[in-house]
Structure formats: C-alpha cells, structure tokens
Amino acid sequence: MKLFVAGLPYDMDDAELEEFFEKFGTVTSVKVAMDRETGKSKGFAFVEMPNSAEAKEAIEGLNDLPIGRKVLVVKEAEDKQGGGGGGFRPNRDRGGSGGGGYNRYGNNSRPPRDRY
C-alpha cells in the first residue's frame, strides 16, 4: 500500500521517516519530495508498505501526530490520474486574458465575429 505523508519537518530525510513507519511493519520504500532548485524538502513524502494491515496501523498511529510545530497527515495515496503536469500543450492560447503578452486579436480574447 502506498501512503502519502504531509506535514513533515523540512529537515527530515528518508531514513528518519522510515524509522517512524518501521515501528508498524515492513517498509518497502520511502521518498521525501525534494525541491529540484533548492535541494530542500517540500514537506511531504510517499511511503510504501507491502502489508496493507500494517499500513493501516501506521495511518492510525501516525496521522495527527505532532512533530515540532507541525502535525503529520498520513493517508493512503491516491492514484494519479492522467499524465504528469507541465510539458508541451499544442493548442494552448498564446495571450490569455488580462495577463498581457501576445494576442493577435488586440485587447479582446476572441476573434471578431466576422472571422468565424
């Protein structure tokens, strides 16, 4: 079972988080999300436990646990739907409304009616 863990202290690493979950059973993997630019924790992680009963015990035992000034949120991870974020979008509007930038129709966000 894959678990989502939020509310982590920013200095907590994979090994420290694994210690929390090992008290409830076998841990397959732990991955604290790190910011690519700063190299610092984003404050959340994913933990995988092969035994769903042990994972549910971990959820019950660790959810709402205060750590420093933060409170842990531990729940079953939701499957990500669709593709990842970002990337190429072929039919994206070039100017948008209100944000400046290039808009081939002037200040209006739609083409004039006679061009339909």
C-alpha atoms as a PDB file:
ATOM      1  CA  MET A   1       0.000   0.000   0.000  1.00  0.00           C
ATOM      2  CA  LYS A   2       1.337   3.424  -0.928  1.00  0.00           C
ATOM      3  CA  LEU A   3       0.920   6.135   1.698  1.00  0.00           C
ATOM      4  CA  PHE A   4       1.019   9.913   1.393  1.00  0.00           C
ATOM      5  CA  VAL A   5       2.663  11.725   4.299  1.00  0.00           C
ATOM      6  CA  ALA A   6       2.429  15.512   4.719  1.00  0.00           C
ATOM      7  CA  GLY A   7       3.380  17.966   7.443  1.00  0.00           C
ATOM      8  CA  LEU A   8       6.976  16.771   7.611  1.00  0.00           C
ATOM      9  CA  PRO A   9       9.646  18.949   9.188  1.00  0.00           C
ATOM     10  CA  TYR A  10      11.786  20.332   6.367  1.00  0.00           C
ATOM     11  CA  ASP A  11      14.934  18.754   7.782  1.00  0.00           C
ATOM     12  CA  MET A  12      13.542  15.183   7.895  1.00  0.00           C
ATOM     13  CA  ASP A  13      15.130  12.776   5.430  1.00  0.00           C
ATOM     14  CA  ASP A  14      14.138   9.352   4.043  1.00  0.00           C
ATOM     15  CA  ALA A  15      15.962   7.371   6.754  1.00  0.00           C
ATOM     16  CA  GLU A  16      14.362   9.286   9.635  1.00  0.00           C
ATOM     17  CA  LEU A  17      10.889   8.906   8.163  1.00  0.00           C
ATOM     18  CA  GLU A  18      11.473   5.194   7.573  1.00  0.00           C
ATOM     19  CA  GLU A  19      12.174   4.766  11.311  1.00  0.00           C
ATOM     20  CA  PHE A  20       8.690   6.106  12.111  1.00  0.00           C
ATOM     21  CA  PHE A  21       6.994   3.618   9.805  1.00  0.00           C
ATOM     22  CA  GLU A  22       9.153   0.579  10.640  1.00  0.00           C
ATOM     23  CA  LYS A  23       7.534   0.535  14.081  1.00  0.00           C
ATOM     24  CA  PHE A  24       4.349  -0.618  12.347  1.00  0.00           C
ATOM     25  CA  GLY A  25       5.845  -3.169   9.943  1.00  0.00           C
ATOM     26  CA  THR A  26       7.901  -3.708   6.822  1.00  0.00           C
ATOM     27  CA  VAL A  27       8.670  -0.656   4.703  1.00  0.00           C
ATOM     28  CA  THR A  28       9.430  -1.197   1.010  1.00  0.00           C
ATOM     29  CA  SER A  29      10.381   2.378   0.116  1.00  0.00           C
ATOM     30  CA  VAL A  30      10.403   5.936   1.444  1.00  0.00           C
ATOM     31  CA  LYS A  31      10.783   9.029  -0.701  1.00  0.00           C
ATOM     32  CA  VAL A  32      10.712  12.539   0.733  1.00  0.00           C
ATOM     33  CA  ALA A  33       9.855  15.024  -2.050  1.00  0.00           C
ATOM     34  CA  MET A  34      12.727  17.414  -2.662  1.00  0.00           C
ATOM     35  CA  ASP A  35      12.711  20.763  -4.453  1.00  0.00           C
ATOM     36  CA  ARG A  36      14.918  20.489  -7.549  1.00  0.00           C
ATOM     37  CA  GLU A  37      16.210  24.043  -7.332  1.00  0.00           C
ATOM     38  CA  THR A  38      16.937  24.343  -3.620  1.00  0.00           C
ATOM     39  CA  GLY A  39      17.553  20.679  -2.743  1.00  0.00           C
ATOM     40  CA  LYS A  40      15.351  21.105   0.344  1.00  0.00           C
ATOM     41  CA  SER A  41      12.376  19.007   1.408  1.00  0.00           C
ATOM     42  CA  LYS A  42       8.925  20.062   0.216  1.00  0.00           C
ATOM     43  CA  GLY A  43       7.420  18.772   3.474  1.00  0.00           C
ATOM     44  CA  PHE A  44       5.720  15.662   2.088  1.00  0.00           C
ATOM     45  CA  ALA A  45       6.666  12.108   1.171  1.00  0.00           C
ATOM     46  CA  PHE A  46       5.458   8.748  -0.097  1.00  0.00           C
ATOM     47  CA  VAL A  47       5.940   5.544   1.865  1.00  0.00           C
ATOM     48  CA  GLU A  48       5.261   2.042   0.551  1.00  0.00           C
ATOM     49  CA  MET A  49       4.369  -0.837   2.841  1.00  0.00           C
ATOM     50  CA  PRO A  50       3.659  -4.289   1.331  1.00  0.00           C
ATOM     51  CA  ASN A  51       1.243  -5.353   4.079  1.00  0.00           C
ATOM     52  CA  SER A  52      -1.969  -3.299   3.934  1.00  0.00           C
ATOM     53  CA  ALA A  53      -2.930  -4.171   7.525  1.00  0.00           C
ATOM     54  CA  GLU A  54       0.404  -2.792   8.769  1.00  0.00           C
ATOM     55  CA  ALA A  55      -0.012   0.269   6.559  1.00  0.00           C
ATOM     56  CA  LYS A  56      -3.463   0.938   8.033  1.00  0.00           C
ATOM     57  CA  GLU A  57      -1.984   0.626  11.535  1.00  0.00           C
ATOM     58  CA  ALA A  58       0.668   3.171  10.546  1.00  0.00           C
ATOM     59  CA  ILE A  59      -2.049   5.533   9.314  1.00  0.00           C
ATOM     60  CA  GLU A  60      -3.938   5.210  12.601  1.00  0.00           C
ATOM     61  CA  GLY A  61      -0.785   5.535  14.708  1.00  0.00           C
ATOM     62  CA  LEU A  62       0.912   8.414  12.893  1.00  0.00           C
ATOM     63  CA  ASN A  63      -1.898  10.562  11.463  1.00  0.00           C
ATOM     64  CA  ASP A  64      -2.333  13.776  13.518  1.00  0.00           C
ATOM     65  CA  LEU A  65       0.957  13.140  15.359  1.00  0.00           C
ATOM     66  CA  PRO A  66       2.571  16.452  16.327  1.00  0.00           C
ATOM     67  CA  ILE A  67       6.231  16.745  15.311  1.00  0.00           C
ATOM     68  CA  GLY A  68       7.748  20.031  16.382  1.00  0.00           C
ATOM     69  CA  ARG A  69       5.445  22.799  15.164  1.00  0.00           C
ATOM     70  CA  LYS A  70       3.798  20.596  12.548  1.00  0.00           C
ATOM     71  CA  VAL A  71       1.226  17.813  12.595  1.00  0.00           C
ATOM     72  CA  LEU A  72       1.645  14.748  10.385  1.00  0.00           C
ATOM     73  CA  VAL A  73      -1.020  13.862   7.860  1.00  0.00           C
ATOM     74  CA  VAL A  74      -0.829  10.202   6.861  1.00  0.00           C
ATOM     75  CA  LYS A  75      -3.311   8.648   4.448  1.00  0.00           C
ATOM     76  CA  GLU A  76      -3.497   6.191   1.597  1.00  0.00           C
ATOM     77  CA  ALA A  77      -2.041   7.758  -1.549  1.00  0.00           C
ATOM     78  CA  GLU A  78      -4.476   8.376  -4.372  1.00  0.00           C
ATOM     79  CA  ASP A  79      -3.635   7.086  -7.828  1.00  0.00           C
ATOM     80  CA  LYS A  80      -2.571   9.941 -10.081  1.00  0.00           C
ATOM     81  CA  GLN A  81      -4.996  10.298 -12.975  1.00  0.00           C
ATOM     82  CA  GLY A  82      -3.778  11.272 -16.428  1.00  0.00           C
ATOM     83  CA  GLY A  83      -0.318  12.403 -17.370  1.00  0.00           C
ATOM     84  CA  GLY A  84       2.135  14.461 -15.420  1.00  0.00           C
ATOM     85  CA  GLY A  85       1.996  18.219 -15.111  1.00  0.00           C
ATOM     86  CA  GLY A  86       3.660  20.664 -17.453  1.00  0.00           C
ATOM     87  CA  GLY A  87       5.113  19.773 -20.782  1.00  0.00           C
ATOM     88  CA  PHE A  88       4.001  20.594 -24.299  1.00  0.00           C
ATOM     89  CA  ARG A  89       0.410  21.693 -24.942  1.00  0.00           C
ATOM     90  CA  PRO A  90      -0.180  22.116 -28.697  1.00  0.00           C
ATOM     91  CA  ASN A  91      -3.495  24.047 -28.557  1.00  0.00           C
ATOM     92  CA  ARG A  92      -2.637  26.473 -25.790  1.00  0.00           C
ATOM     93  CA  ASP A  93      -3.849  30.069 -26.137  1.00  0.00           C
ATOM     94  CA  ARG A  94      -0.905  32.408 -26.696  1.00  0.00           C
ATOM     95  CA  GLY A  95      -2.007  35.555 -24.921  1.00  0.00           C
ATOM     96  CA  GLY A  96      -4.694  34.690 -22.477  1.00  0.00           C
ATOM     97  CA  SER A  97      -6.871  37.321 -20.947  1.00  0.00           C
ATOM     98  CA  GLY A  98      -5.671  40.000 -18.621  1.00  0.00           C
ATOM     99  CA  GLY A  99      -2.104  38.771 -18.367  1.00  0.00           C
ATOM    100  CA  GLY A 100      -0.510  40.765 -21.159  1.00  0.00           C
ATOM    101  CA  GLY A 101       1.564  39.058 -23.775  1.00  0.00           C
ATOM    102  CA  TYR A 102       0.821  38.487 -27.421  1.00  0.00           C
ATOM    103  CA  ASN A 103      -2.792  38.363 -28.523  1.00  0.00           C
ATOM    104  CA  ARG A 104      -3.420  38.553 -32.251  1.00  0.00           C
ATOM    105  CA  TYR A 105      -6.940  39.945 -31.737  1.00  0.00           C
ATOM    106  CA  GLY A 106      -5.932  43.013 -29.722  1.00  0.00           C
ATOM    107  CA  ASN A 107      -7.495  43.509 -26.292  1.00  0.00           C
ATOM    108  CA  ASN A 108     -10.382  41.137 -26.958  1.00  0.00           C
ATOM    109  CA  SER A 109      -9.750  37.496 -26.144  1.00  0.00           C
ATOM    110  CA  ARG A 110     -11.914  36.262 -29.048  1.00  0.00           C
ATOM    111  CA  PRO A 111     -11.635  36.876 -32.764  1.00  0.00           C
ATOM    112  CA  PRO A 112     -14.066  39.331 -34.334  1.00  0.00           C
ATOM    113  CA  ARG A 113     -17.406  37.737 -35.259  1.00  0.00           C
ATOM    114  CA  ASP A 114     -16.927  38.212 -38.997  1.00  0.00           C
ATOM    115  CA  ARG A 115     -13.980  35.795 -38.897  1.00  0.00           C
ATOM    116  CA  TYR A 116     -15.997  32.785 -37.783  1.00  0.00           C
END
